[in-house]
C-alpha atoms as a PDB file:
ATOM      1  CA  MET A   1      37.996 -21.504 -89.037  1.00  0.00           C
ATOM      2  CA  SER A   2      40.980 -20.360 -91.049  1.00  0.00           C
ATOM      3  CA  ASN A   3      44.537 -20.428 -89.753  1.00  0.00           C
ATOM      4  CA  THR A   4      45.187 -17.139 -91.528  1.00  0.00           C
ATOM      5  CA  PRO A   5      45.187 -14.180 -89.125  1.00  0.00           C
ATOM      6  CA  HIS A   6      43.314 -10.954 -89.844  1.00  0.00           C
ATOM      7  CA  THR A   7      40.240 -12.616 -91.305  1.00  0.00           C
ATOM      8  CA  LEU A   8      37.209 -10.389 -91.751  1.00  0.00           C
ATOM      9  CA  GLY A   9      35.545 -12.066 -88.762  1.00  0.00           C
ATOM     10  CA  GLU A  10      38.487 -11.108 -86.564  1.00  0.00           C
ATOM     11  CA  GLU A  11      38.832  -7.614 -87.974  1.00  0.00           C
ATOM     12  CA  PHE A  12      35.111  -6.825 -87.860  1.00  0.00           C
ATOM     13  CA  PRO A  13      33.691  -8.805 -84.928  1.00  0.00           C
ATOM     14  CA  GLY A  14      29.916  -8.867 -84.815  1.00  0.00           C
ATOM     15  CA  GLN A  15      29.634  -7.434 -88.328  1.00  0.00           C
ATOM     16  CA  LEU A  16      29.766 -10.538 -90.502  1.00  0.00           C
ATOM     17  CA  GLU A  17      26.030 -10.423 -91.173  1.00  0.00           C
ATOM     18  CA  ALA A  18      26.279  -6.793 -92.299  1.00  0.00           C
ATOM     19  CA  ILE A  19      29.285  -7.693 -94.457  1.00  0.00           C
ATOM     20  CA  HIS A  20      27.377 -10.528 -96.135  1.00  0.00           C
ATOM     21  CA  GLU A  21      24.317  -8.334 -96.728  1.00  0.00           C
ATOM     22  CA  LEU A  22      26.373  -5.527 -98.255  1.00  0.00           C
ATOM     23  CA  LYS A  23      28.365  -8.003-100.341  1.00  0.00           C
ATOM     24  CA  ALA A  24      25.119  -9.360-101.811  1.00  0.00           C
ATOM     25  CA  LYS A  25      23.887  -5.856-102.679  1.00  0.00           C
ATOM     26  CA  ASP A  26      27.073  -4.161-103.847  1.00  0.00           C
ATOM     27  CA  ALA A  27      29.400  -5.691-106.442  1.00  0.00           C
ATOM     28  CA  GLY A  28      32.053  -3.065-105.719  1.00  0.00           C
ATOM     29  CA  PHE A  29      32.068  -4.001-102.049  1.00  0.00           C
ATOM     30  CA  ALA A  30      32.266  -7.682-102.972  1.00  0.00           C
ATOM     31  CA  LYS A  31      35.346  -6.882-105.071  1.00  0.00           C
ATOM     32  CA  ILE A  32      36.986  -5.084-102.126  1.00  0.00           C
ATOM     33  CA  LEU A  33      36.336  -8.138 -99.928  1.00  0.00           C
ATOM     34  CA  ALA A  34      37.909 -10.442-102.509  1.00  0.00           C
ATOM     35  CA  GLU A  35      40.934  -8.152-102.781  1.00  0.00           C
ATOM     36  CA  TYR A  36      41.252  -8.034 -98.990  1.00  0.00           C
ATOM     37  CA  ASP A  37      41.209 -11.833 -98.760  1.00  0.00           C
ATOM     38  CA  ALA A  38      43.795 -12.162-101.536  1.00  0.00           C
ATOM     39  CA  VAL A  39      46.157  -9.593-100.033  1.00  0.00           C
ATOM     40  CA  ASN A  40      45.683 -11.001 -96.541  1.00  0.00           C
ATOM     41  CA  ASP A  41      46.600 -14.456 -97.830  1.00  0.00           C
ATOM     42  CA  ARG A  42      49.728 -13.037 -99.474  1.00  0.00           C
ATOM     43  CA  VAL A  43      50.740 -11.305 -96.240  1.00  0.00           C
ATOM     44  CA  HIS A  44      50.233 -14.517 -94.292  1.00  0.00           C
ATOM     45  CA  ARG A  45      52.279 -16.549 -96.784  1.00  0.00           C
ATOM     46  CA  ALA A  46      55.063 -13.938 -96.632  1.00  0.00           C
ATOM     47  CA  GLU A  47      55.050 -13.780 -92.820  1.00  0.00           C
ATOM     48  CA  THR A  48      55.226 -17.555 -92.492  1.00  0.00           C
ATOM     49  CA  ASN A  49      57.916 -17.860 -95.195  1.00  0.00           C
ATOM     50  CA  ILE A  50      55.711 -20.060 -97.344  1.00  0.00           C
ATOM     51  CA  GLU A  51      56.336 -17.501-100.090  1.00  0.00           C
ATOM     52  CA  PRO A  52      59.167 -15.292 -98.825  1.00  0.00           C
ATOM     53  CA  VAL A  53      59.344 -11.731-100.121  1.00  0.00           C
ATOM     54  CA  SER A  54      61.533  -8.765 -99.312  1.00  0.00           C
ATOM     55  CA  GLU A  55      60.746  -6.655 -96.272  1.00  0.00           C
ATOM     56  CA  ASP A  56      59.691  -3.802 -98.574  1.00  0.00           C
ATOM     57  CA  VAL A  57      57.221  -5.997-100.432  1.00  0.00           C
ATOM     58  CA  GLU A  58      55.824  -7.352 -97.156  1.00  0.00           C
ATOM     59  CA  ASN A  59      55.372  -3.806 -95.818  1.00  0.00           C
ATOM     60  CA  THR A  60      53.676  -2.747 -99.045  1.00  0.00           C
ATOM     61  CA  LEU A  61      51.286  -5.690 -98.773  1.00  0.00           C
ATOM     62  CA  ARG A  62      50.475  -4.784 -95.175  1.00  0.00           C
ATOM     63  CA  LYS A  63      49.731  -1.198 -96.206  1.00  0.00           C
ATOM     64  CA  GLU A  64      47.503  -2.448 -99.022  1.00  0.00           C
ATOM     65  CA  ARG A  65      45.650  -4.701 -96.563  1.00  0.00           C
ATOM     66  CA  LEU A  66      45.155  -1.753 -94.199  1.00  0.00           C
ATOM     67  CA  ALA A  67      43.799   0.444 -97.006  1.00  0.00           C
ATOM     68  CA  LEU A  68      41.342  -2.293 -97.974  1.00  0.00           C
ATOM     69  CA  LYS A  69      40.308  -2.719 -94.344  1.00  0.00           C
ATOM     70  CA  ASP A  70      39.675   1.041 -94.156  1.00  0.00           C
ATOM     71  CA  ALA A  71      37.547   0.840 -97.318  1.00  0.00           C
ATOM     72  CA  ILE A  72      35.527  -2.019 -95.804  1.00  0.00           C
ATOM     73  CA  ALA A  73      35.023  -0.094 -92.554  1.00  0.00           C
ATOM     74  CA  SER A  74      33.917   3.012 -94.468  1.00  0.00           C
ATOM     75  CA  ALA A  75      31.437   1.043 -96.570  1.00  0.00           C
ATOM     76  CA  LEU A  76      30.003  -0.619 -93.477  1.00  0.00           C
ATOM     77  CA  ALA A  77      29.639   2.743 -91.717  1.00  0.00           C
ATOM     78  CA  ALA A  78      27.938   4.273 -94.743  1.00  0.00           C
ATOM     79  CA  ALA A  79      25.493   1.354 -94.989  1.00  0.00           C
ATOM     80  CA  ARG A  80      24.165   1.876 -91.458  1.00  0.00           C
END
């Protein structure tokens, strides 16, 4: 398990199978997942001062992560 908080498994408990299925079927969804992971990693590195950034940049990254999470949730809801 990753030490990075806000992984997809934590954010979407019980939905990893649906995420994997949709990822395999939808290249656009797969791209959103990759973007989420990249932004989440950047937020984690900023929060832990591995790669410090300004407070504004950190807040912008958090907002970007939230928007991606919303897009993932919407795609999962639409796939049901």
